[in-house]
Amino acid sequence: MKFLRIGPAALFASVLALAACQSGYQTTQNRKAPAAPASTRPASQKPAKPPLSGDSYTVQAGDTLFGIAFRAGQNFRDVAAWNGIDEPYTIRIGQRLRLSPPANSISQKPPANGAPKKPQTVPPVPQTAQPATPKAPESMLSNIAWQWPTQGEIIGRFVVDDKTRQGINIAGKPGQEIHAAADGVVVYSGTGLIGYGELLIVKHGNEWISAYAHNSKRLVAEGVKVKAGQHIADMGDTGSISTMLHFEIRRNGKPVDPLLYLPER
């Protein structure tokens, strides 16, 4: 009987091949790359939707009542009430939603003393000026202990009635931590709104929300409760021309100047 002599190198290769067969190992050429997390996929995979105007809107695939209210600049509870929608605020594709109060309803309650209350406005601040931090008028005070969502230079300020300046822009470095500005619940985590890139929206009670845009990564999903100061996202430039955080505070769906509520620093 003749024996086939195998060299050390060939024997070593044969052992590796046998181990691969037994363990189910695949070479890198045959393995499929893992799918990217939703928060890191390009926004182009899911068409972003523009802000809403007009008195009504037809629900489309991927819509939520909260997202529609945010795009329309309305409080989600008001939109639900105008359309007779109860919790958990379920809507259906093709449903026509009213985005303004019915003609026979009263959109604002009169003051207790019966005297009309003048609307509170904040005059626009020139982008080149750096005035002292303003204070919120008494009628707009919040019982929420707001915190700064991140550190950095303010490179864009809030301007009343300007759709492109509904919050403040804070410059920073890629990957810089973004923190929740107050305790709340995440009600939106996605890339579905034009101009916001990777966006998180946190609800704080029935009146207030905060929004965090242009992130490179979202770390919390919808429905998650967050604590003030919790790391919820990383700074990026999605939907922006530079690395920054676009931060908004809204009361009853309406943008307000975040500098009225954030502490001095």
C-alpha atoms as a PDB file:
ATOM      1  CA  MET A   1       0.000   0.000   0.000  1.00  0.00           C
ATOM      2  CA  LYS A   2       1.334   3.378  -0.976  1.00  0.00           C
ATOM      3  CA  PHE A   3       0.872   6.494   1.156  1.00  0.00           C
ATOM      4  CA  LEU A   4       0.562   9.960  -0.329  1.00  0.00           C
ATOM      5  CA  ARG A   5       2.959  12.336   1.365  1.00  0.00           C
ATOM      6  CA  ILE A   6       1.488  15.778   2.159  1.00  0.00           C
ATOM      7  CA  GLY A   7       3.671  18.722   2.972  1.00  0.00           C
ATOM      8  CA  PRO A   8       3.129  20.801   6.180  1.00  0.00           C
ATOM      9  CA  ALA A   9       1.658  23.772   4.298  1.00  0.00           C
ATOM     10  CA  ALA A  10      -0.869  21.633   2.426  1.00  0.00           C
ATOM     11  CA  LEU A  11      -1.819  19.802   5.628  1.00  0.00           C
ATOM     12  CA  PHE A  12      -2.436  23.120   7.442  1.00  0.00           C
ATOM     13  CA  ALA A  13      -4.666  24.365   4.580  1.00  0.00           C
ATOM     14  CA  SER A  14      -6.660  21.104   4.670  1.00  0.00           C
ATOM     15  CA  VAL A  15      -7.316  21.479   8.419  1.00  0.00           C
ATOM     16  CA  LEU A  16      -8.549  25.045   7.941  1.00  0.00           C
ATOM     17  CA  ALA A  17     -10.880  23.977   5.122  1.00  0.00           C
ATOM     18  CA  LEU A  18     -12.331  21.173   7.277  1.00  0.00           C
ATOM     19  CA  ALA A  19     -12.906  23.539  10.216  1.00  0.00           C
ATOM     20  CA  ALA A  20     -14.653  25.997   7.932  1.00  0.00           C
ATOM     21  CA  CYS A  21     -17.045  23.322   6.702  1.00  0.00           C
ATOM     22  CA  GLN A  22     -17.851  22.178  10.241  1.00  0.00           C
ATOM     23  CA  SER A  23     -18.407  25.685  11.646  1.00  0.00           C
ATOM     24  CA  GLY A  24     -20.395  27.107   8.750  1.00  0.00           C
ATOM     25  CA  TYR A  25     -17.815  29.871   8.271  1.00  0.00           C
ATOM     26  CA  GLN A  26     -18.016  31.830   5.020  1.00  0.00           C
ATOM     27  CA  THR A  27     -15.286  33.834   3.402  1.00  0.00           C
ATOM     28  CA  THR A  28     -15.634  37.591   3.285  1.00  0.00           C
ATOM     29  CA  GLN A  29     -16.294  37.373  -0.428  1.00  0.00           C
ATOM     30  CA  ASN A  30     -19.414  35.276   0.243  1.00  0.00           C
ATOM     31  CA  ARG A  31     -20.718  37.068   3.329  1.00  0.00           C
ATOM     32  CA  LYS A  32     -23.378  39.725   2.928  1.00  0.00           C
ATOM     33  CA  ALA A  33     -22.673  43.074   4.554  1.00  0.00           C
ATOM     34  CA  PRO A  34     -25.035  43.790   7.497  1.00  0.00           C
ATOM     35  CA  ALA A  35     -27.797  46.282   6.803  1.00  0.00           C
ATOM     36  CA  ALA A  36     -27.058  49.798   8.013  1.00  0.00           C
ATOM     37  CA  PRO A  37     -29.066  51.028  11.018  1.00  0.00           C
ATOM     38  CA  ALA A  38     -32.012  53.202  10.089  1.00  0.00           C
ATOM     39  CA  SER A  39     -30.370  56.237  11.657  1.00  0.00           C
ATOM     40  CA  THR A  40     -27.334  56.032   9.354  1.00  0.00           C
ATOM     41  CA  ARG A  41     -29.077  55.297   6.054  1.00  0.00           C
ATOM     42  CA  PRO A  42     -29.158  58.135   3.517  1.00  0.00           C
ATOM     43  CA  ALA A  43     -32.231  60.309   3.813  1.00  0.00           C
ATOM     44  CA  SER A  44     -32.829  59.757   0.095  1.00  0.00           C
ATOM     45  CA  GLN A  45     -34.124  56.252   0.846  1.00  0.00           C
ATOM     46  CA  LYS A  46     -37.229  57.822   2.393  1.00  0.00           C
ATOM     47  CA  PRO A  47     -38.590  60.918   0.629  1.00  0.00           C
ATOM     48  CA  ALA A  48     -38.708  63.900   2.953  1.00  0.00           C
ATOM     49  CA  LYS A  49     -41.898  65.908   3.212  1.00  0.00           C
ATOM     50  CA  PRO A  50     -42.216  69.726   3.129  1.00  0.00           C
ATOM     51  CA  PRO A  51     -44.003  71.963   5.660  1.00  0.00           C
ATOM     52  CA  LEU A  52     -47.772  72.091   5.308  1.00  0.00           C
ATOM     53  CA  SER A  53     -49.968  75.078   4.547  1.00  0.00           C
ATOM     54  CA  GLY A  54     -53.692  75.320   3.972  1.00  0.00           C
ATOM     55  CA  ASP A  55     -56.701  74.156   5.934  1.00  0.00           C
ATOM     56  CA  SER A  56     -56.585  70.434   5.166  1.00  0.00           C
ATOM     57  CA  TYR A  57     -54.277  67.567   4.278  1.00  0.00           C
ATOM     58  CA  THR A  58     -54.691  64.040   2.908  1.00  0.00           C
ATOM     59  CA  VAL A  59     -52.826  61.374   4.875  1.00  0.00           C
ATOM     60  CA  GLN A  60     -50.079  59.572   2.948  1.00  0.00           C
ATOM     61  CA  ALA A  61     -48.036  56.453   3.623  1.00  0.00           C
ATOM     62  CA  GLY A  62     -45.643  56.935   6.544  1.00  0.00           C
ATOM     63  CA  ASP A  63     -47.554  59.853   8.075  1.00  0.00           C
ATOM     64  CA  THR A  64     -48.292  60.156  11.774  1.00  0.00           C
ATOM     65  CA  LEU A  65     -50.648  62.612  13.402  1.00  0.00           C
ATOM     66  CA  PHE A  66     -47.757  64.161  15.304  1.00  0.00           C
ATOM     67  CA  GLY A  67     -45.597  64.559  12.191  1.00  0.00           C
ATOM     68  CA  ILE A  68     -48.469  66.199  10.303  1.00  0.00           C
ATOM     69  CA  ALA A  69     -49.107  68.613  13.179  1.00  0.00           C
ATOM     70  CA  PHE A  70     -45.404  69.510  13.359  1.00  0.00           C
ATOM     71  CA  ARG A  71     -45.231  70.227   9.624  1.00  0.00           C
ATOM     72  CA  ALA A  72     -48.372  72.364   9.896  1.00  0.00           C
ATOM     73  CA  GLY A  73     -47.141  74.270  12.965  1.00  0.00           C
ATOM     74  CA  GLN A  74     -50.082  73.060  15.046  1.00  0.00           C
ATOM     75  CA  ASN A  75     -50.500  71.297  18.372  1.00  0.00           C
ATOM     76  CA  PHE A  76     -51.160  67.608  17.727  1.00  0.00           C
ATOM     77  CA  ARG A  77     -53.971  67.598  20.309  1.00  0.00           C
ATOM     78  CA  ASP A  78     -55.726  70.417  18.466  1.00  0.00           C
ATOM     79  CA  VAL A  79     -55.478  68.578  15.145  1.00  0.00           C
ATOM     80  CA  ALA A  80     -56.844  65.459  16.826  1.00  0.00           C
ATOM     81  CA  ALA A  81     -59.746  67.424  18.355  1.00  0.00           C
ATOM     82  CA  TRP A  82     -60.623  69.178  15.068  1.00  0.00           C
ATOM     83  CA  ASN A  83     -60.881  65.770  13.393  1.00  0.00           C
ATOM     84  CA  GLY A  84     -62.540  63.800  16.196  1.00  0.00           C
ATOM     85  CA  ILE A  85     -59.519  61.530  16.706  1.00  0.00           C
ATOM     86  CA  ASP A  86     -58.945  59.996  20.129  1.00  0.00           C
ATOM     87  CA  GLU A  87     -55.870  58.325  21.590  1.00  0.00           C
ATOM     88  CA  PRO A  88     -53.820  56.520  20.351  1.00  0.00           C
ATOM     89  CA  TYR A  89     -54.336  58.992  17.461  1.00  0.00           C
ATOM     90  CA  THR A  90     -54.615  56.434  14.670  1.00  0.00           C
ATOM     91  CA  ILE A  91     -54.957  57.798  11.136  1.00  0.00           C
ATOM     92  CA  ARG A  92     -55.351  56.017   7.794  1.00  0.00           C
ATOM     93  CA  ILE A  93     -53.968  56.574   4.315  1.00  0.00           C
ATOM     94  CA  GLY A  94     -56.320  58.742   2.231  1.00  0.00           C
ATOM     95  CA  GLN A  95     -57.977  60.288   5.290  1.00  0.00           C
ATOM     96  CA  ARG A  96     -58.644  64.023   4.937  1.00  0.00           C
ATOM     97  CA  LEU A  97     -57.538  65.957   8.005  1.00  0.00           C
ATOM     98  CA  ARG A  98     -58.563  69.473   8.993  1.00  0.00           C
ATOM     99  CA  LEU A  99     -55.528  71.598   9.915  1.00  0.00           C
ATOM    100  CA  SER A 100     -57.434  74.586  11.278  1.00  0.00           C
ATOM    101  CA  PRO A 101     -60.365  74.904  13.674  1.00  0.00           C
ATOM    102  CA  PRO A 102     -63.905  74.674  12.276  1.00  0.00           C
ATOM    103  CA  ALA A 103     -65.544  78.016  11.518  1.00  0.00           C
ATOM    104  CA  ASN A 104     -67.997  77.643  14.385  1.00  0.00           C
ATOM    105  CA  SER A 105     -65.374  76.837  17.006  1.00  0.00           C
ATOM    106  CA  ILE A 106     -63.426  79.152  19.273  1.00  0.00           C
ATOM    107  CA  SER A 107     -59.718  78.616  18.751  1.00  0.00           C
ATOM    108  CA  GLN A 108     -58.632  80.622  21.787  1.00  0.00           C
ATOM    109  CA  LYS A 109     -60.225  80.941  25.201  1.00  0.00           C
ATOM    110  CA  PRO A 110     -60.840  84.544  26.336  1.00  0.00           C
ATOM    111  CA  PRO A 111     -59.006  85.775  29.419  1.00  0.00           C
ATOM    112  CA  ALA A 112     -60.736  85.341  32.766  1.00  0.00           C
ATOM    113  CA  ASN A 113     -61.353  89.081  33.115  1.00  0.00           C
ATOM    114  CA  GLY A 114     -63.028  89.257  29.694  1.00  0.00           C
ATOM    115  CA  ALA A 115     -60.464  91.680  28.267  1.00  0.00           C
ATOM    116  CA  PRO A 116     -58.789  90.682  24.994  1.00  0.00           C
ATOM    117  CA  LYS A 117     -55.162  89.731  25.382  1.00  0.00           C
ATOM    118  CA  LYS A 118     -52.691  91.200  22.943  1.00  0.00           C
ATOM    119  CA  PRO A 119     -50.480  88.638  21.213  1.00  0.00           C
ATOM    120  CA  GLN A 120     -46.924  88.489  22.488  1.00  0.00           C
ATOM    121  CA  THR A 121     -44.248  88.972  19.865  1.00  0.00           C
ATOM    122  CA  VAL A 122     -40.473  89.081  20.009  1.00  0.00           C
ATOM    123  CA  PRO A 123     -38.835  91.551  17.619  1.00  0.00           C
ATOM    124  CA  PRO A 124     -36.382  90.068  15.100  1.00  0.00           C
ATOM    125  CA  VAL A 125     -32.722  90.237  16.120  1.00  0.00           C
ATOM    126  CA  PRO A 126     -30.131  91.105  13.445  1.00  0.00           C
ATOM    127  CA  GLN A 127     -27.829  88.183  12.764  1.00  0.00           C
ATOM    128  CA  THR A 128     -24.734  90.320  13.336  1.00  0.00           C
ATOM    129  CA  ALA A 129     -25.798  91.562  16.770  1.00  0.00           C
ATOM    130  CA  GLN A 130     -25.099  89.669  19.999  1.00  0.00           C
ATOM    131  CA  PRO A 131     -27.546  91.127  22.548  1.00  0.00           C
ATOM    132  CA  ALA A 132     -27.990  89.905  26.089  1.00  0.00           C
ATOM    133  CA  THR A 133     -30.114  86.787  26.476  1.00  0.00           C
ATOM    134  CA  PRO A 134     -33.796  87.858  26.354  1.00  0.00           C
ATOM    135  CA  LYS A 135     -36.358  86.804  28.928  1.00  0.00           C
ATOM    136  CA  ALA A 136     -39.728  85.250  28.210  1.00  0.00           C
ATOM    137  CA  PRO A 137     -42.746  87.477  28.886  1.00  0.00           C
ATOM    138  CA  GLU A 138     -44.850  86.361  31.834  1.00  0.00           C
ATOM    139  CA  SER A 139     -47.629  85.040  29.593  1.00  0.00           C
ATOM    140  CA  MET A 140     -45.133  82.673  27.892  1.00  0.00           C
ATOM    141  CA  LEU A 141     -43.354  81.342  30.985  1.00  0.00           C
ATOM    142  CA  SER A 142     -42.658  77.624  31.092  1.00  0.00           C
ATOM    143  CA  ASN A 143     -42.628  75.351  34.122  1.00  0.00           C
ATOM    144  CA  ILE A 144     -39.985  73.218  32.441  1.00  0.00           C
ATOM    145  CA  ALA A 145     -36.358  73.448  33.595  1.00  0.00           C
ATOM    146  CA  TRP A 146     -34.789  73.652  30.142  1.00  0.00           C
ATOM    147  CA  GLN A 147     -31.130  72.743  29.612  1.00  0.00           C
ATOM    148  CA  TRP A 148     -28.752  73.477  26.761  1.00  0.00           C
ATOM    149  CA  PRO A 149     -28.749  70.520  24.344  1.00  0.00           C
ATOM    150  CA  THR A 150     -25.070  70.987  23.471  1.00  0.00           C
ATOM    151  CA  GLN A 151     -22.182  73.440  23.707  1.00  0.00           C
ATOM    152  CA  GLY A 152     -20.971  75.686  20.916  1.00  0.00           C
ATOM    153  CA  GLU A 153     -21.253  79.054  19.245  1.00  0.00           C
ATOM    154  CA  ILE A 154     -24.714  80.262  18.238  1.00  0.00           C
ATOM    155  CA  ILE A 155     -24.487  80.851  14.495  1.00  0.00           C
ATOM    156  CA  GLY A 156     -28.193  81.348  13.773  1.00  0.00           C
ATOM    157  CA  ARG A 157     -30.950  82.933  15.828  1.00  0.00           C
ATOM    158  CA  PHE A 158     -34.726  82.686  15.972  1.00  0.00           C
ATOM    159  CA  VAL A 159     -36.729  85.228  13.969  1.00  0.00           C
ATOM    160  CA  VAL A 160     -40.478  85.644  14.425  1.00  0.00           C
ATOM    161  CA  ASP A 161     -42.595  84.472  11.457  1.00  0.00           C
ATOM    162  CA  ASP A 162     -39.517  83.440   9.454  1.00  0.00           C
ATOM    163  CA  LYS A 163     -40.027  79.829   8.346  1.00  0.00           C
ATOM    164  CA  THR A 164     -36.274  79.387   7.858  1.00  0.00           C
ATOM    165  CA  ARG A 165     -35.360  80.621  11.376  1.00  0.00           C
ATOM    166  CA  GLN A 166     -37.702  78.805  13.736  1.00  0.00           C
ATOM    167  CA  GLY A 167     -34.976  77.975  16.242  1.00  0.00           C
ATOM    168  CA  ILE A 168     -31.285  78.477  16.936  1.00  0.00           C
ATOM    169  CA  ASN A 169     -28.251  76.922  15.230  1.00  0.00           C
ATOM    170  CA  ILE A 170     -25.354  75.806  17.409  1.00  0.00           C
ATOM    171  CA  ALA A 171     -22.015  75.049  15.731  1.00  0.00           C
ATOM    172  CA  GLY A 172     -19.902  72.111  16.831  1.00  0.00           C
ATOM    173  CA  LYS A 173     -17.802  69.132  15.774  1.00  0.00           C
ATOM    174  CA  PRO A 174     -18.933  65.974  13.950  1.00  0.00           C
ATOM    175  CA  GLY A 175     -20.081  63.408  16.481  1.00  0.00           C
ATOM    176  CA  GLN A 176     -20.442  65.934  19.306  1.00  0.00           C
ATOM    177  CA  GLU A 177     -23.014  64.754  21.847  1.00  0.00           C
ATOM    178  CA  ILE A 178     -26.558  66.122  21.731  1.00  0.00           C
ATOM    179  CA  HIS A 179     -28.573  65.921  24.963  1.00  0.00           C
ATOM    180  CA  ALA A 180     -32.272  66.093  25.765  1.00  0.00           C
ATOM    181  CA  ALA A 181     -33.165  69.621  26.870  1.00  0.00           C
ATOM    182  CA  ALA A 182     -35.752  68.328  29.373  1.00  0.00           C
ATOM    183  CA  ASP A 183     -37.532  65.167  30.486  1.00  0.00           C
ATOM    184  CA  GLY A 184     -39.953  63.877  27.876  1.00  0.00           C
ATOM    185  CA  VAL A 185     -40.997  61.220  25.379  1.00  0.00           C
ATOM    186  CA  VAL A 186     -39.593  60.826  21.853  1.00  0.00           C
ATOM    187  CA  VAL A 187     -42.501  61.299  19.446  1.00  0.00           C
ATOM    188  CA  TYR A 188     -40.519  61.461  16.192  1.00  0.00           C
ATOM    189  CA  SER A 189     -37.233  59.890  15.102  1.00  0.00           C
ATOM    190  CA  GLY A 190     -36.536  59.939  11.396  1.00  0.00           C
ATOM    191  CA  THR A 191     -35.599  61.776   8.213  1.00  0.00           C
ATOM    192  CA  GLY A 192     -39.053  62.522   6.828  1.00  0.00           C
ATOM    193  CA  LEU A 193     -39.104  66.330   7.051  1.00  0.00           C
ATOM    194  CA  ILE A 194     -37.405  68.443   4.385  1.00  0.00           C
ATOM    195  CA  GLY A 195     -34.636  70.679   5.703  1.00  0.00           C
ATOM    196  CA  TYR A 196     -34.150  68.876   9.035  1.00  0.00           C
ATOM    197  CA  GLY A 197     -32.025  65.874   8.072  1.00  0.00           C
ATOM    198  CA  GLU A 198     -31.773  63.314  10.884  1.00  0.00           C
ATOM    199  CA  LEU A 199     -34.411  64.671  13.273  1.00  0.00           C
ATOM    200  CA  LEU A 200     -35.584  63.925  16.812  1.00  0.00           C
ATOM    201  CA  ILE A 201     -38.657  65.478  18.420  1.00  0.00           C
ATOM    202  CA  VAL A 202     -39.320  65.151  22.156  1.00  0.00           C
ATOM    203  CA  LYS A 203     -42.680  65.936  23.772  1.00  0.00           C
ATOM    204  CA  HIS A 204     -42.695  67.562  27.211  1.00  0.00           C
ATOM    205  CA  GLY A 205     -46.248  67.394  28.547  1.00  0.00           C
ATOM    206  CA  ASN A 206     -49.199  68.600  26.504  1.00  0.00           C
ATOM    207  CA  GLU A 207     -47.899  72.051  25.486  1.00  0.00           C
ATOM    208  CA  TRP A 208     -44.193  71.831  24.799  1.00  0.00           C
ATOM    209  CA  ILE A 209     -41.883  70.018  22.392  1.00  0.00           C
ATOM    210  CA  SER A 210     -38.205  70.295  21.494  1.00  0.00           C
ATOM    211  CA  ALA A 211     -36.637  69.400  18.148  1.00  0.00           C
ATOM    212  CA  TYR A 212     -33.039  68.394  17.338  1.00  0.00           C
ATOM    213  CA  ALA A 213     -32.051  68.456  13.655  1.00  0.00           C
ATOM    214  CA  HIS A 214     -29.088  67.718  11.329  1.00  0.00           C
ATOM    215  CA  ASN A 215     -27.800  64.876  13.515  1.00  0.00           C
ATOM    216  CA  SER A 216     -25.319  62.336  12.194  1.00  0.00           C
ATOM    217  CA  LYS A 217     -26.890  59.620  14.332  1.00  0.00           C
ATOM    218  CA  ARG A 218     -30.114  59.206  16.322  1.00  0.00           C
ATOM    219  CA  LEU A 219     -29.736  57.154  19.497  1.00  0.00           C
ATOM    220  CA  VAL A 220     -33.352  56.914  20.686  1.00  0.00           C
ATOM    221  CA  ALA A 221     -36.474  55.584  19.014  1.00  0.00           C
ATOM    222  CA  GLU A 222     -40.053  56.818  19.031  1.00  0.00           C
ATOM    223  CA  GLY A 223     -41.879  56.090  22.266  1.00  0.00           C
ATOM    224  CA  VAL A 224     -38.736  56.097  24.425  1.00  0.00           C
ATOM    225  CA  LYS A 225     -38.793  58.192  27.611  1.00  0.00           C
ATOM    226  CA  VAL A 226     -35.723  60.397  28.014  1.00  0.00           C
ATOM    227  CA  LYS A 227     -34.287  62.362  30.899  1.00  0.00           C
ATOM    228  CA  ALA A 228     -32.918  65.889  30.796  1.00  0.00           C
ATOM    229  CA  GLY A 229     -29.248  65.743  29.838  1.00  0.00           C
ATOM    230  CA  GLN A 230     -29.492  62.253  28.319  1.00  0.00           C
ATOM    231  CA  HIS A 231     -27.315  61.621  25.257  1.00  0.00           C
ATOM    232  CA  ILE A 232     -29.885  61.230  22.467  1.00  0.00           C
ATOM    233  CA  ALA A 233     -27.986  61.994  19.247  1.00  0.00           C
ATOM    234  CA  ASP A 234     -24.630  62.916  17.695  1.00  0.00           C
ATOM    235  CA  MET A 235     -24.075  66.187  15.876  1.00  0.00           C
ATOM    236  CA  GLY A 236     -23.762  66.119  12.099  1.00  0.00           C
ATOM    237  CA  ASP A 237     -24.566  67.951   8.877  1.00  0.00           C
ATOM    238  CA  THR A 238     -27.506  65.962   7.438  1.00  0.00           C
ATOM    239  CA  GLY A 239     -29.765  68.367   5.597  1.00  0.00           C
ATOM    240  CA  SER A 240     -27.309  71.202   6.306  1.00  0.00           C
ATOM    241  CA  ILE A 241     -24.274  72.822   4.687  1.00  0.00           C
ATOM    242  CA  SER A 242     -22.186  72.639   7.866  1.00  0.00           C
ATOM    243  CA  THR A 243     -21.934  70.690  11.118  1.00  0.00           C
ATOM    244  CA  MET A 244     -24.459  72.080  13.586  1.00  0.00           C
ATOM    245  CA  LEU A 245     -27.449  71.414  15.778  1.00  0.00           C
ATOM    246  CA  HIS A 246     -30.673  73.136  14.785  1.00  0.00           C
ATOM    247  CA  PHE A 247     -32.674  73.328  18.019  1.00  0.00           C
ATOM    248  CA  GLU A 248     -36.308  74.357  18.357  1.00  0.00           C
ATOM    249  CA  ILE A 249     -38.760  74.778  21.209  1.00  0.00           C
ATOM    250  CA  ARG A 250     -42.444  74.872  20.311  1.00  0.00           C
ATOM    251  CA  ARG A 251     -45.437  75.688  22.494  1.00  0.00           C
ATOM    252  CA  ASN A 252     -48.771  74.339  21.291  1.00  0.00           C
ATOM    253  CA  GLY A 253     -47.147  73.677  17.936  1.00  0.00           C
ATOM    254  CA  LYS A 254     -45.854  77.237  17.494  1.00  0.00           C
ATOM    255  CA  PRO A 255     -42.095  77.964  17.442  1.00  0.00           C
ATOM    256  CA  VAL A 256     -40.761  80.214  20.204  1.00  0.00           C
ATOM    257  CA  ASP A 257     -37.299  81.662  20.738  1.00  0.00           C
ATOM    258  CA  PRO A 258     -35.270  79.011  22.618  1.00  0.00           C
ATOM    259  CA  LEU A 259     -33.085  81.747  24.123  1.00  0.00           C
ATOM    260  CA  LEU A 260     -36.120  82.918  26.108  1.00  0.00           C
ATOM    261  CA  TYR A 261     -36.061  79.650  28.017  1.00  0.00           C
ATOM    262  CA  LEU A 262     -32.515  78.278  28.045  1.00  0.00           C
ATOM    263  CA  PRO A 263     -30.372  79.277  31.059  1.00  0.00           C
ATOM    264  CA  GLU A 264     -27.594  81.834  30.711  1.00  0.00           C
ATOM    265  CA  ARG A 265     -24.188  80.370  30.058  1.00  0.00           C
END
